[in-house]
Amino acid sequence: MSSNSFDELPCSAKLVYKILEFYGPMTFSQLRNQTKLPTSTLRQALRVLKENGMINAGICLEDIRSRIYSLTECIELAKDV
């Protein structure tokens, strides 16, 4: 991820990204509780991050009705270099 693409993200998307970076994978409700963002704003932030390839959404094994969001591996690996 280039710093320019991150800088161009909405503030809500940056917040969600940083929360996932700090805490690791989370469900939608966990993100909502952690960020305190309104539901529609959080959905928009997740959509923007997914469209930019910055996060993945998978099925939560504890509750298959929920999705779990995490940073994409390529971004996590790039930070380690």
Protein backbone atom coordinates (compact mmCIF):
# COMPACT_ATOMS: atom_id res chain seq x y z
CA MET A 1 0.00 0.00 0.00
CA SER A 2 1.43 3.35 -0.92
CA SER A 3 1.14 6.19 1.56
CA ASN A 4 -0.70 8.23 -1.09
CA SER A 5 -3.56 5.72 -1.35
CA PHE A 6 -3.87 5.56 2.45
CA ASP A 7 -3.85 9.36 2.71
CA GLU A 8 -6.72 9.58 0.22
CA LEU A 9 -9.00 7.29 2.26
CA PRO A 10 -11.91 8.75 4.24
CA CYS A 11 -11.20 9.22 7.95
CA SER A 12 -13.58 6.41 8.86
CA ALA A 13 -11.72 3.94 6.62
CA LYS A 14 -8.38 5.01 8.12
CA LEU A 15 -9.78 4.44 11.61
CA VAL A 16 -11.06 0.96 10.74
CA TYR A 17 -7.74 0.08 9.11
CA LYS A 18 -5.75 1.20 12.16
CA ILE A 19 -8.07 -0.70 14.53
CA LEU A 20 -7.57 -3.89 12.48
CA GLU A 21 -3.84 -3.24 12.36
CA PHE A 22 -3.64 -2.86 16.14
CA TYR A 23 -6.16 -5.49 17.35
CA GLY A 24 -6.17 -8.00 14.48
CA PRO A 25 -9.20 -9.66 12.86
CA MET A 26 -12.62 -8.53 14.13
CA THR A 27 -16.30 -9.03 13.39
CA PHE A 28 -18.57 -6.19 12.33
CA SER A 29 -20.01 -5.83 15.84
CA GLN A 30 -16.55 -5.79 17.39
CA LEU A 31 -15.50 -3.07 14.93
CA ARG A 32 -18.68 -1.11 15.65
CA ASN A 33 -18.02 -1.28 19.40
CA GLN A 34 -14.34 -0.40 19.02
CA THR A 35 -14.71 2.45 16.52
CA LYS A 36 -18.04 3.88 17.81
CA LEU A 37 -18.92 4.64 14.17
CA PRO A 38 -22.56 4.58 13.02
CA THR A 39 -23.47 1.34 11.23
CA SER A 40 -23.80 2.95 7.79
CA THR A 41 -20.46 4.76 8.14
CA LEU A 42 -18.71 1.55 9.20
CA ARG A 43 -20.22 -0.34 6.23
CA GLN A 44 -19.01 2.39 3.88
CA ALA A 45 -15.51 2.31 5.41
CA LEU A 46 -15.34 -1.48 5.04
CA ARG A 47 -16.54 -1.23 1.43
CA VAL A 48 -13.83 1.33 0.60
CA LEU A 49 -11.13 -0.79 2.23
CA LYS A 50 -12.30 -3.94 0.39
CA GLU A 51 -12.43 -2.10 -2.96
CA ASN A 52 -8.85 -0.95 -2.40
CA GLY A 53 -7.72 -4.49 -1.54
CA MET A 54 -6.69 -3.50 1.97
CA ILE A 55 -8.90 -5.94 3.91
CA ASN A 56 -10.40 -9.39 3.52
CA ALA A 57 -13.80 -10.51 4.72
CA GLY A 58 -14.24 -14.13 5.72
CA ILE A 59 -16.81 -16.20 7.54
CA CYS A 60 -16.51 -16.16 11.31
CA LEU A 61 -16.23 -19.77 12.49
CA GLU A 62 -17.78 -18.94 15.88
CA ASP A 63 -20.92 -17.52 14.22
CA ILE A 64 -21.34 -18.34 10.54
CA ARG A 65 -23.88 -15.52 10.17
CA SER A 66 -21.07 -13.03 10.82
CA ARG A 67 -18.09 -11.98 8.76
CA ILE A 68 -14.64 -11.45 10.17
CA TYR A 69 -12.52 -8.65 8.74
CA SER A 70 -8.73 -8.66 8.59
CA LEU A 71 -5.93 -6.87 6.79
CA THR A 72 -4.84 -8.48 3.54
CA GLU A 73 -1.70 -10.59 3.79
CA CYS A 74 0.21 -8.64 1.15
CA ILE A 75 -0.14 -5.45 3.19
CA GLU A 76 0.85 -7.15 6.44
CA LEU A 77 3.90 -8.71 4.77
CA ALA A 78 4.94 -5.39 3.21
CA LYS A 79 5.01 -3.77 6.65
CA ASP A 80 7.48 -6.42 7.87
CA VAL A 81 10.01 -5.62 5.13
